[in-house]
Amino acid sequence: MLAVDFAHSRAFPPTPAQAAEWLAEHGIRVDPAEVELKAMVALQLAAAAMLRAAVRGESPRQDAVDEINAASAAAAVAPQLNWPADGRPRMWLSTQAGSGGHALGILARAVIDLVTGPQRELLRICQAPGCSEVYLATNSRRVWCSSTCGNRVRVARHAARARAARDATG
């Protein structure tokens, strides 16, 4: 899910080229400039704060709400109709924002859709020690944000059992 992937603190890349690649992998075709990348990082921090507040059932910081709303508003879109003489009508979205502003709007709206929609109930915070990432729990038994966190917890449990067994025998 775009909003969760975007809010994941280890996910968003540090350079405009890497950001463009990350956005393309998520269906957003833009070439963000350095200035837009800074705005995307600020939006990512706001998105993470917003999702954590949603999980905890709290109101998010007002500056996070303002950041999300400003990014969404800056990239207003208008549905446009394309109806070729020999084809089916298609709708496409037109924006007056630059490509980076358009990307910010898409990302902000993904966060808004998530925290106001039914999938909000599936948001969780990872229970692995040292991790506080938000994830979408599509399985009710899932308690970790990634297989990496799950593996880290399982390895630590195994090591603790092995240590306890070693201490008990000797």
Protein backbone atom coordinates (compact mmCIF):
# COMPACT_ATOMS: atom_id res chain seq x y z
CA MET A 1 0.00 0.00 0.00
CA LEU A 2 1.43 3.33 -1.11
CA ALA A 3 0.78 5.31 2.10
CA VAL A 4 2.37 2.66 4.33
CA ASP A 5 5.32 2.14 1.99
CA PHE A 6 5.88 5.90 1.84
CA ALA A 7 5.68 6.38 5.61
CA HIS A 8 8.15 3.53 6.26
CA SER A 9 11.23 5.39 7.49
CA ARG A 10 13.74 3.08 5.82
CA ALA A 11 11.99 3.10 2.47
CA PHE A 12 12.32 6.53 0.90
CA PRO A 13 15.62 7.06 -0.92
CA PRO A 14 17.98 9.99 -0.34
CA THR A 15 18.71 11.19 -3.89
CA PRO A 16 16.41 12.54 -6.62
CA ALA A 17 17.35 9.68 -8.99
CA GLN A 18 16.64 7.03 -6.35
CA ALA A 19 13.41 8.83 -5.38
CA ALA A 20 12.30 8.82 -9.03
CA GLU A 21 12.98 5.08 -9.16
CA TRP A 22 11.07 4.45 -5.90
CA LEU A 23 8.13 6.53 -7.14
CA ALA A 24 8.14 4.71 -10.51
CA GLU A 25 8.01 1.36 -8.68
CA HIS A 26 4.83 2.69 -7.05
CA GLY A 27 3.27 3.85 -10.32
CA ILE A 28 4.21 7.54 -10.07
CA ARG A 29 6.24 8.73 -13.04
CA VAL A 30 8.11 11.89 -12.06
CA ASP A 31 11.63 13.23 -11.90
CA PRO A 32 11.81 15.05 -8.56
CA ALA A 33 14.29 17.88 -8.20
CA GLU A 34 16.40 18.31 -5.06
CA VAL A 35 13.94 20.89 -3.68
CA GLU A 36 11.00 18.56 -4.27
CA LEU A 37 12.91 15.72 -2.63
CA LYS A 38 13.20 17.81 0.55
CA ALA A 39 9.44 18.39 0.44
CA MET A 40 8.90 14.63 -0.02
CA VAL A 41 11.05 13.87 3.02
CA ALA A 42 9.05 16.41 5.09
CA LEU A 43 5.84 14.82 3.80
CA GLN A 44 7.16 11.35 4.69
CA LEU A 45 7.77 12.43 8.28
CA ALA A 46 4.25 13.87 8.46
CA ALA A 47 2.80 10.69 6.95
CA ALA A 48 4.62 8.52 9.49
CA ALA A 49 3.35 10.70 12.36
CA MET A 50 -0.17 10.56 10.93
CA LEU A 51 -0.19 6.76 10.62
CA ARG A 52 1.28 6.23 14.10
CA ALA A 53 -1.40 8.52 15.56
CA ALA A 54 -4.08 6.59 13.68
CA VAL A 55 -2.81 3.27 15.10
CA ARG A 56 -2.80 4.65 18.63
CA GLY A 57 -6.25 6.20 18.25
CA GLU A 58 -4.81 9.66 18.93
CA SER A 59 -5.04 12.93 17.07
CA PRO A 60 -1.89 13.61 15.06
CA ARG A 61 0.22 16.73 15.51
CA GLN A 62 -1.38 19.68 13.75
CA ASP A 63 1.79 20.36 11.75
CA ALA A 64 1.56 16.83 10.29
CA VAL A 65 -2.07 17.44 9.28
CA ASP A 66 -1.10 20.80 7.77
CA GLU A 67 1.77 19.23 5.81
CA ILE A 68 -0.49 16.50 4.37
CA ASN A 69 -3.25 18.96 3.49
CA ALA A 70 -0.87 21.45 1.87
CA ALA A 71 0.68 18.75 -0.33
CA SER A 72 -2.75 17.49 -1.35
CA ALA A 73 -4.08 20.96 -2.11
CA ALA A 74 -1.01 22.01 -4.10
CA ALA A 75 -1.63 19.32 -6.68
CA ALA A 76 -5.26 19.87 -7.57
CA VAL A 77 -6.45 17.49 -10.26
CA ALA A 78 -9.28 17.77 -12.71
CA PRO A 79 -10.88 14.78 -14.41
CA GLN A 80 -10.59 15.10 -18.18
CA LEU A 81 -12.40 13.14 -20.88
CA ASN A 82 -10.75 11.56 -23.89
CA TRP A 83 -13.25 10.12 -26.36
CA PRO A 84 -11.70 9.12 -29.67
CA ALA A 85 -14.08 8.90 -32.64
CA ASP A 86 -13.44 5.19 -33.04
CA GLY A 87 -12.90 4.19 -29.42
CA ARG A 88 -14.21 4.08 -25.90
CA PRO A 89 -14.26 7.13 -23.65
CA ARG A 90 -11.50 7.29 -21.05
CA MET A 91 -10.96 9.52 -18.08
CA TRP A 92 -7.57 10.91 -17.15
CA LEU A 93 -6.48 13.34 -14.47
CA SER A 94 -4.94 16.68 -15.34
CA THR A 95 -2.90 18.69 -12.87
CA GLN A 96 -1.35 22.12 -13.00
CA ALA A 97 1.31 21.22 -10.49
CA GLY A 98 4.83 20.36 -11.57
CA SER A 99 5.76 16.71 -11.57
CA GLY A 100 7.13 16.81 -8.03
CA GLY A 101 4.06 18.66 -6.77
CA HIS A 102 1.88 16.10 -8.49
CA ALA A 103 3.79 13.28 -6.76
CA LEU A 104 3.41 15.03 -3.40
CA GLY A 105 -0.33 15.29 -3.99
CA ILE A 106 -0.63 11.60 -4.85
CA LEU A 107 1.36 10.61 -1.76
CA ALA A 108 -0.62 12.94 0.52
CA ARG A 109 -3.94 11.68 -0.83
CA ALA A 110 -2.85 8.07 -0.30
CA VAL A 111 -2.27 8.90 3.38
CA ILE A 112 -5.62 10.72 3.62
CA ASP A 113 -7.43 7.80 1.98
CA LEU A 114 -5.82 5.33 4.37
CA VAL A 115 -6.49 7.18 7.64
CA THR A 116 -10.07 8.02 6.66
CA GLY A 117 -10.95 4.68 5.07
CA PRO A 118 -11.77 1.17 6.27
CA GLN A 119 -8.16 -0.05 6.05
CA ARG A 120 -7.25 2.24 8.95
CA GLU A 121 -8.41 -0.59 11.23
CA LEU A 122 -5.63 -2.80 9.78
CA LEU A 123 -2.80 -0.42 10.71
CA ARG A 124 -0.40 -1.75 13.36
CA ILE A 125 2.97 -0.81 14.86
CA CYS A 126 5.70 -3.45 14.61
CA GLN A 127 6.23 -5.33 17.88
CA ALA A 128 9.87 -6.19 17.22
CA PRO A 129 12.23 -4.62 19.79
CA GLY A 130 13.80 -1.48 18.38
CA CYS A 131 11.30 -1.13 15.53
CA SER A 132 8.34 1.22 15.47
CA GLU A 133 7.34 1.02 11.82
CA VAL A 134 3.67 1.08 10.85
CA TYR A 135 2.35 -1.71 8.64
CA LEU A 136 -0.94 -2.99 7.28
CA ALA A 137 -1.91 -6.22 9.07
CA THR A 138 -3.76 -8.07 6.35
CA ASN A 139 -3.43 -11.19 8.52
CA SER A 140 -4.75 -10.81 12.08
CA ARG A 141 -1.84 -12.88 13.46
CA ARG A 142 0.84 -10.67 11.91
CA VAL A 143 2.80 -8.69 14.53
CA TRP A 144 5.93 -7.56 12.61
CA CYS A 145 6.32 -5.02 9.82
CA SER A 146 8.58 -7.26 7.75
CA SER A 147 10.10 -10.70 7.55
CA THR A 148 13.39 -9.10 8.62
CA CYS A 149 11.88 -8.03 11.95
CA GLY A 150 10.19 -11.40 12.37
CA ASN A 151 13.44 -13.26 11.71
CA ARG A 152 15.33 -11.00 14.12
CA VAL A 153 12.81 -11.77 16.89
CA ARG A 154 12.86 -15.52 16.19
CA VAL A 155 16.68 -15.62 16.18
CA ALA A 156 16.78 -13.72 19.49
CA ARG A 157 14.25 -16.15 21.03
CA HIS A 158 16.26 -19.14 19.79
CA ALA A 159 19.48 -17.67 21.20
CA ALA A 160 17.77 -17.01 24.55
CA ARG A 161 16.50 -20.62 24.71
CA ALA A 162 19.92 -21.97 23.80
CA ARG A 163 21.53 -19.79 26.45
CA ALA A 164 18.98 -20.92 29.07
CA ALA A 165 19.55 -24.58 28.17
CA ARG A 166 23.32 -24.13 28.32
CA ASP A 167 23.05 -22.38 31.70
CA ALA A 168 20.75 -25.12 33.06
CA THR A 169 23.16 -27.89 32.09
CA GLY A 170 26.31 -26.40 33.14
